[in-house]
Amino acid sequence: MVNSVFKYLGSIVSMSGDMVADARYKASQAMAAYAPLAIKAFASKLISVALKMALATSLVFSRLCFNVHAAVPTCKYIQILNVPY
């Protein structure tokens, strides 16, 4: 039996080369990192913008952009990555 979709080195790979599943996975991983911090950290007036950007870069954007250098994104891929924003 051959799997048509599998996870390899943090990316979802399909036999057809379609990248939609990978984009959805990356967007869901970014939202999973963002959601717990949304109200307590990102909405807080007590936390500096610099610290918020450091948190977003290290915890959220890193998951969203992980391994994108290995992909040639289509318009649909970019649209799915932009959904959380």
N, C-alpha and C. Protein backbone atom coordinates (compact mmCIF):
# COMPACT_ATOMS: atom_id res chain seq x y z
N MET A 1 0.84 -1.17 0.00
CA MET A 1 0.00 0.00 0.00
C MET A 1 0.89 1.24 0.00
N VAL A 2 0.57 2.21 -0.82
CA VAL A 2 1.34 3.43 -0.95
C VAL A 2 0.54 4.58 -0.38
N ASN A 3 1.17 5.35 0.50
CA ASN A 3 0.51 6.55 1.03
C ASN A 3 0.62 7.67 0.02
N SER A 4 -0.47 8.39 -0.20
CA SER A 4 -0.44 9.49 -1.15
C SER A 4 0.05 10.78 -0.50
N VAL A 5 -0.04 10.86 0.84
CA VAL A 5 0.40 12.04 1.57
C VAL A 5 1.16 11.57 2.81
N PHE A 6 2.30 12.18 3.09
CA PHE A 6 3.04 11.83 4.29
C PHE A 6 3.81 13.05 4.79
N LYS A 7 4.26 12.97 6.03
CA LYS A 7 5.03 14.04 6.65
C LYS A 7 6.50 13.69 6.57
N TYR A 8 7.30 14.61 6.05
CA TYR A 8 8.73 14.39 5.90
C TYR A 8 9.48 15.64 6.33
N LEU A 9 10.30 15.54 7.35
CA LEU A 9 11.10 16.64 7.86
C LEU A 9 10.27 17.90 8.14
N GLY A 10 9.09 17.71 8.71
CA GLY A 10 8.26 18.84 9.10
C GLY A 10 7.37 19.41 8.03
N SER A 11 7.34 18.81 6.86
CA SER A 11 6.48 19.27 5.77
C SER A 11 5.58 18.13 5.31
N ILE A 12 4.42 18.49 4.81
CA ILE A 12 3.50 17.51 4.25
C ILE A 12 3.81 17.37 2.76
N VAL A 13 4.07 16.15 2.34
CA VAL A 13 4.44 15.88 0.95
C VAL A 13 3.36 14.99 0.34
N SER A 14 2.94 15.32 -0.88
CA SER A 14 1.95 14.49 -1.56
C SER A 14 2.54 13.95 -2.86
N MET A 15 2.02 12.83 -3.30
CA MET A 15 2.50 12.22 -4.54
C MET A 15 2.25 13.12 -5.73
N SER A 16 1.15 13.86 -5.70
CA SER A 16 0.80 14.72 -6.83
C SER A 16 1.61 16.01 -6.86
N GLY A 17 2.30 16.31 -5.78
CA GLY A 17 3.06 17.56 -5.70
C GLY A 17 2.24 18.74 -5.23
N ASP A 18 0.97 18.49 -4.90
CA ASP A 18 0.10 19.54 -4.41
C ASP A 18 0.56 19.99 -3.03
N MET A 19 0.63 21.29 -2.81
CA MET A 19 1.18 21.82 -1.57
C MET A 19 0.11 22.37 -0.63
N VAL A 20 -1.15 22.19 -0.95
CA VAL A 20 -2.23 22.73 -0.14
C VAL A 20 -2.23 22.13 1.27
N ALA A 21 -2.04 20.82 1.36
CA ALA A 21 -2.02 20.17 2.68
C ALA A 21 -0.87 20.71 3.52
N ASP A 22 0.28 20.96 2.91
CA ASP A 22 1.42 21.51 3.64
C ASP A 22 1.12 22.93 4.13
N ALA A 23 0.51 23.74 3.29
CA ALA A 23 0.16 25.11 3.69
C ALA A 23 -0.84 25.10 4.84
N ARG A 24 -1.83 24.23 4.76
CA ARG A 24 -2.82 24.13 5.85
C ARG A 24 -2.16 23.69 7.15
N TYR A 25 -1.25 22.75 7.05
CA TYR A 25 -0.54 22.25 8.23
C TYR A 25 0.28 23.37 8.86
N LYS A 26 1.02 24.10 8.07
CA LYS A 26 1.86 25.19 8.59
C LYS A 26 1.00 26.29 9.22
N ALA A 27 -0.13 26.63 8.57
CA ALA A 27 -1.03 27.65 9.12
C ALA A 27 -1.62 27.19 10.45
N SER A 28 -1.99 25.91 10.54
CA SER A 28 -2.56 25.42 11.79
C SER A 28 -1.51 25.38 12.90
N GLN A 29 -0.27 25.06 12.57
CA GLN A 29 0.81 25.06 13.56
C GLN A 29 1.09 26.47 14.07
N ALA A 30 1.05 27.45 13.16
CA ALA A 30 1.27 28.84 13.56
C ALA A 30 0.13 29.32 14.46
N MET A 31 -1.10 28.99 14.13
CA MET A 31 -2.24 29.40 14.95
C MET A 31 -2.21 28.71 16.31
N ALA A 32 -1.75 27.47 16.35
CA ALA A 32 -1.65 26.75 17.63
C ALA A 32 -0.63 27.42 18.55
N ALA A 33 0.40 28.01 17.98
CA ALA A 33 1.39 28.73 18.78
C ALA A 33 0.89 30.11 19.17
N TYR A 34 0.12 30.74 18.29
CA TYR A 34 -0.36 32.10 18.52
C TYR A 34 -1.51 32.17 19.52
N ALA A 35 -2.45 31.24 19.42
CA ALA A 35 -3.68 31.30 20.21
C ALA A 35 -3.46 31.45 21.72
N PRO A 36 -2.58 30.68 22.35
CA PRO A 36 -2.40 30.84 23.79
C PRO A 36 -1.81 32.20 24.18
N LEU A 37 -1.10 32.84 23.27
CA LEU A 37 -0.45 34.11 23.55
C LEU A 37 -1.28 35.32 23.13
N ALA A 38 -2.33 35.09 22.36
CA ALA A 38 -3.06 36.20 21.74
C ALA A 38 -3.56 37.22 22.75
N ILE A 39 -4.22 36.79 23.77
CA ILE A 39 -4.82 37.73 24.73
C ILE A 39 -3.82 38.14 25.80
N LYS A 40 -3.12 37.18 26.35
CA LYS A 40 -2.23 37.49 27.47
C LYS A 40 -0.98 38.25 27.06
N ALA A 41 -0.42 37.98 25.92
CA ALA A 41 0.83 38.63 25.54
C ALA A 41 0.63 39.69 24.46
N PHE A 42 0.04 39.30 23.33
CA PHE A 42 -0.05 40.22 22.20
C PHE A 42 -1.04 41.36 22.43
N ALA A 43 -2.05 41.16 23.25
CA ALA A 43 -3.03 42.21 23.53
C ALA A 43 -2.64 43.05 24.75
N SER A 44 -1.62 42.65 25.45
CA SER A 44 -1.22 43.34 26.67
C SER A 44 -0.52 44.66 26.36
N LYS A 45 -0.89 45.68 27.08
CA LYS A 45 -0.24 46.98 26.95
C LYS A 45 1.03 47.05 27.79
N LEU A 46 1.23 46.07 28.65
CA LEU A 46 2.39 46.04 29.53
C LEU A 46 3.63 45.45 28.85
N ILE A 47 3.42 44.75 27.75
CA ILE A 47 4.54 44.10 27.04
C ILE A 47 4.94 44.98 25.86
N SER A 48 6.22 45.22 25.72
CA SER A 48 6.71 46.10 24.66
C SER A 48 6.50 45.48 23.28
N VAL A 49 6.46 46.35 22.29
CA VAL A 49 6.29 45.89 20.90
C VAL A 49 7.49 45.03 20.50
N ALA A 50 8.66 45.40 20.97
CA ALA A 50 9.87 44.62 20.64
C ALA A 50 9.77 43.19 21.17
N LEU A 51 9.29 43.04 22.38
CA LEU A 51 9.12 41.69 22.94
C LEU A 51 8.03 40.93 22.21
N LYS A 52 6.94 41.61 21.86
CA LYS A 52 5.87 40.96 21.09
C LYS A 52 6.40 40.47 19.74
N MET A 53 7.23 41.28 19.09
CA MET A 53 7.80 40.87 17.80
C MET A 53 8.77 39.70 17.98
N ALA A 54 9.52 39.70 19.04
CA ALA A 54 10.43 38.59 19.31
C ALA A 54 9.65 37.30 19.54
N LEU A 55 8.56 37.40 20.31
CA LEU A 55 7.71 36.22 20.53
C LEU A 55 7.08 35.74 19.23
N ALA A 56 6.56 36.67 18.45
CA ALA A 56 5.92 36.30 17.18
C ALA A 56 6.92 35.66 16.23
N THR A 57 8.10 36.23 16.14
CA THR A 57 9.12 35.69 15.24
C THR A 57 9.57 34.30 15.66
N SER A 58 9.85 34.14 16.94
CA SER A 58 10.40 32.86 17.39
C SER A 58 9.36 31.76 17.53
N LEU A 59 8.13 32.12 17.90
CA LEU A 59 7.13 31.09 18.17
C LEU A 59 6.09 30.90 17.07
N VAL A 60 5.74 31.96 16.36
CA VAL A 60 4.67 31.87 15.37
C VAL A 60 5.22 31.84 13.95
N PHE A 61 5.96 32.88 13.57
CA PHE A 61 6.45 32.96 12.19
C PHE A 61 7.40 31.83 11.85
N SER A 62 8.15 31.35 12.84
CA SER A 62 9.06 30.24 12.57
C SER A 62 8.30 28.98 12.16
N ARG A 63 7.13 28.77 12.74
CA ARG A 63 6.32 27.60 12.36
C ARG A 63 5.65 27.81 11.01
N LEU A 64 5.24 29.03 10.76
CA LEU A 64 4.58 29.33 9.50
C LEU A 64 5.56 29.23 8.33
N CYS A 65 6.77 29.64 8.54
CA CYS A 65 7.75 29.70 7.44
C CYS A 65 8.74 28.54 7.43
N PHE A 66 8.56 27.57 8.32
CA PHE A 66 9.50 26.44 8.39
C PHE A 66 9.57 25.71 7.06
N ASN A 67 10.75 25.56 6.54
CA ASN A 67 11.02 24.77 5.34
C ASN A 67 10.42 25.36 4.06
N VAL A 68 10.03 26.62 4.05
CA VAL A 68 9.45 27.19 2.83
C VAL A 68 10.51 27.38 1.75
N HIS A 69 11.76 27.39 2.12
CA HIS A 69 12.81 27.50 1.11
C HIS A 69 12.82 26.30 0.17
N ALA A 70 12.24 25.20 0.60
CA ALA A 70 12.22 23.98 -0.20
C ALA A 70 10.99 23.91 -1.10
N ALA A 71 10.15 24.93 -1.06
CA ALA A 71 8.90 24.90 -1.82
C ALA A 71 8.89 26.00 -2.87
N VAL A 72 8.16 25.74 -3.93
CA VAL A 72 7.86 26.76 -4.92
C VAL A 72 6.37 27.05 -4.74
N PRO A 73 6.05 28.08 -3.95
CA PRO A 73 4.65 28.30 -3.59
C PRO A 73 3.78 28.77 -4.76
N THR A 74 2.60 28.21 -4.80
CA THR A 74 1.60 28.65 -5.77
C THR A 74 0.76 29.74 -5.12
N CYS A 75 -0.09 30.35 -5.89
CA CYS A 75 -0.98 31.39 -5.37
C CYS A 75 -1.88 30.82 -4.27
N LYS A 76 -2.39 29.62 -4.47
CA LYS A 76 -3.25 28.97 -3.47
C LYS A 76 -2.49 28.74 -2.16
N TYR A 77 -1.23 28.33 -2.25
CA TYR A 77 -0.37 28.09 -1.08
C TYR A 77 -0.23 29.39 -0.27
N ILE A 78 0.05 30.49 -0.95
CA ILE A 78 0.20 31.78 -0.28
C ILE A 78 -1.11 32.22 0.35
N GLN A 79 -2.23 32.00 -0.33
CA GLN A 79 -3.54 32.37 0.23
C GLN A 79 -3.81 31.61 1.53
N ILE A 80 -3.49 30.33 1.56
CA ILE A 80 -3.73 29.52 2.77
C ILE A 80 -2.82 29.99 3.91
N LEU A 81 -1.58 30.32 3.61
CA LEU A 81 -0.67 30.81 4.64
C LEU A 81 -1.14 32.15 5.20
N ASN A 82 -1.84 32.93 4.41
CA ASN A 82 -2.32 34.25 4.84
C ASN A 82 -3.62 34.19 5.61
N VAL A 83 -4.29 33.05 5.66
CA VAL A 83 -5.58 32.93 6.33
C VAL A 83 -5.54 33.38 7.80
N PRO A 84 -4.51 32.97 8.57
CA PRO A 84 -4.52 33.40 9.97
C PRO A 84 -4.43 34.90 10.16
N TYR A 85 -3.98 35.63 9.17
CA TYR A 85 -3.77 37.05 9.32
C TYR A 85 -4.84 37.82 8.61
